[in-house]
Amino acid sequence: LRMHDVPLEYVKWLRVKLTGRRTTFKFDDFASELFLIERGIDQGCPLSVILYAFYNAALIEAANPANEETAEGSMDDVAIPVTGRTF
């Protein structure tokens, strides 16, 4: 985020939002102990689309238009189309 000049106060807020989260697995008659969530963002969080764009920015930016290279990103997918005269 900082590499893309996102203001530090937003980065700090996001760090607080993503720190100290806990969850448990439950299925059938089983329930795990609470455990720390160390990565990712909450399921369904509207920020996930925005944060994924930052996460994949280096991949998208690696395409060099001068060499007729393109990369497209949408939601949580990236496509790098390739064409050539021969296989």
Protein backbone atom coordinates (compact mmCIF):
# COMPACT_ATOMS: atom_id res chain seq x y z
CA LEU A 1 0.00 0.00 0.00
CA ARG A 2 2.79 2.38 0.87
CA MET A 3 4.52 1.62 -2.49
CA HIS A 4 1.38 3.03 -4.12
CA ASP A 5 1.34 6.15 -1.95
CA VAL A 6 -1.66 5.15 0.14
CA PRO A 7 -1.59 7.59 3.07
CA LEU A 8 0.01 6.19 6.21
CA GLU A 9 -3.10 6.79 8.33
CA TYR A 10 -5.08 4.39 6.08
CA VAL A 11 -2.35 1.78 6.25
CA LYS A 12 -2.27 2.07 10.05
CA TRP A 13 -6.08 1.83 10.26
CA LEU A 14 -6.05 -1.28 8.09
CA ARG A 15 -3.31 -2.84 10.24
CA VAL A 16 -5.47 -2.32 13.35
CA LYS A 17 -8.53 -3.71 11.54
CA LEU A 18 -6.65 -6.88 10.57
CA THR A 19 -4.84 -7.45 13.89
CA GLY A 20 -6.05 -9.66 16.70
CA ARG A 21 -8.87 -11.36 14.80
CA ARG A 22 -9.88 -14.83 15.98
CA THR A 23 -12.21 -17.53 14.72
CA THR A 24 -13.23 -21.11 15.31
CA PHE A 25 -14.09 -23.99 12.99
CA LYS A 26 -17.50 -25.56 13.55
CA PHE A 27 -19.04 -28.49 11.73
CA ASP A 28 -21.23 -31.40 12.79
CA ASP A 29 -20.61 -31.84 16.53
CA PHE A 30 -17.09 -30.40 16.41
CA ALA A 31 -15.98 -26.91 17.46
CA SER A 32 -12.30 -26.02 17.46
CA GLU A 33 -10.62 -23.81 20.00
CA LEU A 34 -10.38 -20.14 19.06
CA PHE A 35 -7.32 -19.42 16.96
CA LEU A 36 -5.68 -16.30 15.58
CA ILE A 37 -6.31 -15.27 11.97
CA GLU A 38 -2.90 -14.17 10.73
CA ARG A 39 -3.66 -13.45 7.05
CA GLY A 40 -6.45 -12.28 4.81
CA ILE A 41 -9.45 -10.06 5.25
CA ASP A 42 -12.95 -10.82 6.47
CA GLN A 43 -15.18 -12.77 4.09
CA GLY A 44 -17.48 -10.35 2.27
CA CYS A 45 -15.59 -7.23 3.30
CA PRO A 46 -16.08 -4.55 0.61
CA LEU A 47 -12.42 -3.59 0.95
CA SER A 48 -11.32 -6.99 -0.38
CA VAL A 49 -11.71 -5.93 -4.03
CA ILE A 50 -9.68 -2.76 -3.47
CA LEU A 51 -6.98 -4.51 -1.45
CA TYR A 52 -6.71 -7.31 -4.00
CA ALA A 53 -6.00 -4.72 -6.68
CA PHE A 54 -3.08 -3.42 -4.61
CA TYR A 55 -1.93 -7.00 -3.88
CA ASN A 56 -1.79 -7.83 -7.61
CA ALA A 57 -0.60 -4.43 -8.83
CA ALA A 58 2.98 -5.61 -9.46
CA LEU A 59 1.72 -8.45 -11.65
CA ILE A 60 -0.46 -6.14 -13.73
CA GLU A 61 2.25 -3.47 -13.95
CA ALA A 62 4.83 -6.03 -15.12
CA ALA A 63 3.23 -6.09 -18.56
CA ASN A 64 5.16 -3.82 -20.92
CA PRO A 65 2.90 -2.10 -23.47
CA ALA A 66 6.00 -1.19 -25.54
CA ASN A 67 6.39 -4.94 -26.19
CA GLU A 68 2.67 -5.28 -26.91
CA GLU A 69 2.18 -6.98 -23.51
CA THR A 70 -1.09 -6.61 -21.64
CA ALA A 71 -2.46 -7.83 -18.33
CA GLU A 72 -5.99 -7.41 -17.05
CA GLY A 73 -7.21 -7.69 -13.49
CA SER A 74 -10.79 -7.98 -12.34
CA MET A 75 -12.09 -8.64 -8.83
CA ASP A 76 -9.95 -11.59 -7.72
CA ASP A 77 -8.54 -12.79 -11.04
CA VAL A 78 -5.72 -11.78 -13.35
CA ALA A 79 -5.41 -12.68 -17.03
CA ILE A 80 -2.25 -12.29 -19.04
CA PRO A 81 -3.31 -12.89 -22.66
CA VAL A 82 -0.59 -14.07 -24.98
CA THR A 83 -0.48 -14.00 -28.77
CA GLY A 84 2.27 -14.89 -31.20
CA ARG A 85 3.04 -15.73 -34.80
CA THR A 86 4.11 -19.26 -33.85
CA PHE A 87 3.50 -21.59 -30.96
